[in-house]
Amino acid sequence: MPHELTLHSIRPVTHDVHELTFERPEGFEFRPGQATDLALDRDGWRDEKRPFTFTSLPGADHLQFTIKSYPSHDGVTEQIGMMEAGDGVLIEGPWGAIEDKGPGVIIAGGAGLTPLLAILRARQKSHGSLDGYRLIFSNSKEKDIILREELEKMPGLRLDLVLSDEDVDGIHHGQVDGDFLDEAGLDFGNMFYLCGPPPMEDDVSSALKARGVSEDRLVREAE
């Protein structure tokens, strides 16, 4: 049976990303990195389920999602961006293969940051520092960077911002490709975490494997 959630608050994070906070159902458990299938609890939308990652901590008394809206799609994410406190959604149980397997290199593209954000937040809370974690975060433009201020303040986290469509001082301009990986001074014996648009994931995964990263050291959602 799906869980019925009531929206407590919604706030903008960037021009097209919102942070939504819901009341948490009693006994609902998940681990950092997991997602759920979510649908709007309104006529015509209950069968339109979409996967979204929890970005709240497992021990919090609320559930939180950080969701990017795509108005051009005329779909669920556009509707989510227009939600108001008191609106309802339906969620299924948690699922997902992305989990914290220790220090390593996180490569995220756009909204693909969200499962890895949950992992970083939980790790910081439990260990006090993110020493040994490096985040390579790729976006199209500077305005698209999700929760940049929070990421920059995370203790111990090494942060590399990459913009594909805009050249900004202090931020790498280009793609996260094989050349970037070679120039980034990475230890390919590390654990690697990967989440982003499917074409990016496939390209980066292939590039990492070509550089000796074995499947058991590559954490990503199951294909």
Protein backbone atom coordinates (compact mmCIF):
# COMPACT_ATOMS: atom_id res chain seq x y z
CA MET A 1 0.00 0.00 0.00
CA PRO A 2 1.31 3.48 -0.82
CA HIS A 3 1.96 5.96 1.96
CA GLU A 4 0.01 9.21 1.91
CA LEU A 5 2.15 12.27 2.65
CA THR A 6 1.09 15.86 3.28
CA LEU A 7 3.37 18.67 2.12
CA HIS A 8 4.58 20.71 5.08
CA SER A 9 6.70 23.24 3.17
CA ILE A 10 8.28 23.97 -0.20
CA ARG A 11 11.16 26.33 -0.91
CA PRO A 12 13.14 27.18 -4.05
CA VAL A 13 16.75 25.99 -4.14
CA THR A 14 17.61 27.23 -7.64
CA HIS A 15 15.54 28.70 -10.47
CA ASP A 16 14.07 25.26 -11.25
CA VAL A 17 14.74 23.12 -8.16
CA HIS A 18 12.57 22.95 -5.05
CA GLU A 19 13.07 21.39 -1.64
CA LEU A 20 9.88 19.73 -0.42
CA THR A 21 9.36 18.68 3.20
CA PHE A 22 6.65 16.21 4.17
CA GLU A 23 5.35 14.69 7.36
CA ARG A 24 6.99 11.31 7.85
CA PRO A 25 4.81 8.18 8.15
CA GLU A 26 5.33 6.29 11.38
CA GLY A 27 7.78 3.43 10.95
CA PHE A 28 8.91 4.46 7.45
CA GLU A 29 12.60 3.59 7.07
CA PHE A 30 15.16 4.17 4.31
CA ARG A 31 18.90 4.49 3.93
CA PRO A 32 20.85 7.43 2.40
CA GLY A 33 20.94 7.14 -1.38
CA GLN A 34 17.61 5.36 -1.73
CA ALA A 35 14.64 6.61 -3.74
CA THR A 36 10.91 6.02 -3.91
CA ASP A 37 8.22 6.13 -6.58
CA LEU A 38 6.11 9.24 -5.99
CA ALA A 39 2.80 10.35 -7.47
CA LEU A 40 0.63 13.40 -6.91
CA ASP A 41 -2.45 12.57 -4.83
CA ARG A 42 -4.96 14.17 -7.16
CA ASP A 43 -7.27 13.05 -9.94
CA GLY A 44 -5.50 12.27 -13.19
CA TRP A 45 -2.04 12.04 -11.57
CA ARG A 46 -2.11 9.09 -9.16
CA ASP A 47 -0.85 6.65 -11.78
CA GLU A 48 1.94 8.98 -12.93
CA LYS A 49 4.69 7.69 -10.65
CA ARG A 50 8.21 9.08 -10.87
CA PRO A 51 11.39 8.14 -8.94
CA PHE A 52 12.78 10.69 -6.51
CA THR A 53 15.52 10.38 -3.91
CA PHE A 54 15.17 11.15 -0.22
CA THR A 55 17.50 14.01 0.73
CA SER A 56 16.59 14.08 4.43
CA LEU A 57 18.52 12.05 6.97
CA PRO A 58 17.11 8.64 7.95
CA GLY A 59 16.68 9.75 11.57
CA ALA A 60 14.79 12.97 10.80
CA ASP A 61 11.16 13.39 11.80
CA HIS A 62 10.26 14.47 8.26
CA LEU A 63 10.85 13.30 4.69
CA GLN A 64 12.51 15.65 2.24
CA PHE A 65 13.01 15.62 -1.51
CA THR A 66 15.03 18.02 -3.69
CA ILE A 67 13.34 17.98 -7.10
CA LYS A 68 14.17 19.66 -10.38
CA SER A 69 11.19 20.82 -12.44
CA TYR A 70 11.06 20.47 -16.21
CA PRO A 71 8.24 22.78 -17.38
CA SER A 72 8.85 21.88 -21.03
CA HIS A 73 7.83 18.28 -20.23
CA ASP A 74 4.34 19.40 -19.10
CA GLY A 75 4.36 16.62 -16.53
CA VAL A 76 4.85 15.57 -12.92
CA THR A 77 7.90 17.69 -12.09
CA GLU A 78 6.21 20.84 -13.40
CA GLN A 79 3.23 20.12 -11.15
CA ILE A 80 5.50 19.44 -8.18
CA GLY A 81 7.12 22.86 -8.59
CA MET A 82 3.69 24.46 -8.19
CA MET A 83 2.67 22.54 -5.06
CA GLU A 84 1.57 24.31 -1.87
CA ALA A 85 1.59 23.35 1.79
CA GLY A 86 -1.23 20.92 2.50
CA ASP A 87 -1.05 19.21 -0.90
CA GLY A 88 -0.67 15.45 -0.89
CA VAL A 89 1.49 12.85 -2.60
CA LEU A 90 1.66 9.06 -2.57
CA ILE A 91 4.95 7.19 -2.17
CA GLU A 92 5.93 3.54 -2.36
CA GLY A 93 8.60 1.78 -0.33
CA PRO A 94 12.28 2.75 -0.65
CA TRP A 95 14.55 1.16 -3.25
CA GLY A 96 17.93 1.73 -4.89
CA ALA A 97 21.46 0.42 -5.26
CA ILE A 98 23.31 3.65 -4.39
CA GLU A 99 24.74 3.56 -0.87
CA ASP A 100 27.73 4.82 1.06
CA LYS A 101 30.64 2.41 0.61
CA GLY A 102 33.24 4.70 2.11
CA PRO A 103 35.52 7.50 0.89
CA GLY A 104 35.89 7.97 -2.84
CA VAL A 105 35.12 10.15 -5.85
CA ILE A 106 31.53 11.22 -6.49
CA ILE A 107 30.67 12.25 -10.05
CA ALA A 108 27.23 13.83 -10.35
CA GLY A 109 25.37 15.59 -13.13
CA GLY A 110 22.55 18.03 -12.38
CA ALA A 111 19.72 16.49 -10.35
CA GLY A 112 21.83 13.32 -10.16
CA LEU A 113 23.36 14.96 -7.10
CA THR A 114 20.34 14.09 -4.93
CA PRO A 115 21.12 10.48 -3.87
CA LEU A 116 24.72 11.48 -3.27
CA LEU A 117 23.65 14.57 -1.32
CA ALA A 118 21.84 12.32 1.13
CA ILE A 119 24.98 10.20 1.51
CA LEU A 120 27.18 13.25 2.10
CA ARG A 121 24.80 14.72 4.66
CA ALA A 122 24.55 11.44 6.57
CA ARG A 123 28.30 10.87 6.49
CA GLN A 124 28.99 14.39 7.74
CA LYS A 125 26.53 13.91 10.60
CA SER A 126 27.95 10.53 11.65
CA HIS A 127 31.67 11.29 11.18
CA GLY A 128 31.85 15.09 11.48
CA SER A 129 33.95 15.37 8.32
CA LEU A 130 34.00 14.24 4.69
CA ASP A 131 37.73 13.67 4.52
CA GLY A 132 38.49 11.35 1.62
CA TYR A 133 35.40 12.33 -0.38
CA ARG A 134 35.68 14.33 -3.57
CA LEU A 135 32.64 15.62 -5.47
CA ILE A 136 32.87 16.42 -9.18
CA PHE A 137 29.58 18.16 -9.90
CA SER A 138 28.65 18.98 -13.50
CA ASN A 139 25.91 21.37 -14.60
CA SER A 140 25.01 23.34 -17.70
CA LYS A 141 25.20 26.82 -16.17
CA GLU A 142 26.19 28.40 -12.86
CA LYS A 143 22.54 29.09 -11.97
CA ASP A 144 21.84 25.33 -12.16
CA ILE A 145 24.20 24.39 -9.31
CA ILE A 146 22.06 22.81 -6.58
CA LEU A 147 22.83 23.82 -2.97
CA ARG A 148 26.25 25.20 -3.89
CA GLU A 149 26.68 27.07 -0.61
CA GLU A 150 25.98 23.94 1.45
CA LEU A 151 28.39 21.86 -0.62
CA GLU A 152 31.16 24.46 -0.32
CA LYS A 153 30.79 24.46 3.47
CA MET A 154 30.85 20.69 3.97
CA PRO A 155 33.94 20.00 6.10
CA GLY A 156 36.57 17.88 4.41
CA LEU A 157 34.77 17.62 1.05
CA ARG A 158 36.87 18.42 -2.00
CA LEU A 159 34.53 20.06 -4.49
CA ASP A 160 35.10 20.44 -8.24
CA LEU A 161 32.40 22.35 -10.12
CA VAL A 162 32.12 21.85 -13.88
CA LEU A 163 29.97 23.84 -16.33
CA SER A 164 29.34 22.53 -19.82
CA ASP A 165 27.59 25.55 -21.36
CA GLU A 166 29.09 28.54 -19.56
CA ASP A 167 32.59 29.84 -18.91
CA VAL A 168 32.85 31.24 -15.37
CA ASP A 169 36.02 32.25 -13.54
CA GLY A 170 37.05 29.67 -10.98
CA ILE A 171 34.87 26.89 -12.43
CA HIS A 172 36.06 24.28 -14.92
CA HIS A 173 34.44 24.71 -18.33
CA GLY A 174 33.81 21.60 -20.39
CA GLN A 175 32.61 18.02 -20.09
CA VAL A 176 33.40 15.36 -17.53
CA ASP A 177 35.04 13.01 -20.02
CA GLY A 178 38.16 10.90 -20.27
CA ASP A 179 40.42 13.91 -20.72
CA PHE A 180 38.94 15.58 -17.65
CA LEU A 181 39.40 12.43 -15.59
CA ASP A 182 43.04 12.17 -16.68
CA GLU A 183 43.74 15.80 -15.81
CA ALA A 184 41.93 15.72 -12.46
CA GLY A 185 44.68 13.79 -10.69
CA LEU A 186 42.37 10.96 -9.67
CA ASP A 187 43.43 7.72 -8.06
CA PHE A 188 41.59 5.13 -10.14
CA GLY A 189 41.99 2.65 -7.31
CA ASN A 190 39.37 4.63 -5.39
CA MET A 191 35.68 3.92 -4.95
CA PHE A 192 33.64 5.87 -7.52
CA TYR A 193 30.03 7.00 -7.19
CA LEU A 194 28.14 8.01 -10.33
CA CYS A 195 24.70 9.52 -10.92
CA GLY A 196 23.45 11.80 -13.67
CA PRO A 197 21.64 11.83 -17.00
CA PRO A 198 21.91 8.38 -18.66
CA PRO A 199 24.19 9.52 -21.53
CA MET A 200 26.60 11.12 -19.06
CA GLU A 201 26.52 8.08 -16.77
CA ASP A 202 27.26 5.72 -19.65
CA ASP A 203 30.11 7.84 -21.00
CA VAL A 204 31.75 8.36 -17.61
CA SER A 205 31.27 4.73 -16.61
CA SER A 206 32.99 3.59 -19.82
CA ALA A 207 35.82 6.07 -19.28
CA LEU A 208 36.34 4.90 -15.69
CA LYS A 209 36.34 1.23 -16.67
CA ALA A 210 38.86 1.99 -19.43
CA ARG A 211 41.09 3.39 -16.68
CA GLY A 212 40.90 0.27 -14.57
CA VAL A 213 37.92 0.96 -12.31
CA SER A 214 36.29 -2.40 -11.71
CA GLU A 215 32.54 -2.89 -11.44
CA ASP A 216 32.74 -3.55 -7.71
CA ARG A 217 34.29 -0.09 -7.18
CA LEU A 218 31.62 1.73 -9.21
CA VAL A 219 28.48 2.64 -7.25
CA ARG A 220 25.54 3.58 -9.47
CA GLU A 221 21.89 2.71 -9.87
CA ALA A 222 21.34 -0.75 -11.33
CA GLU A 223 20.84 -0.70 -15.08
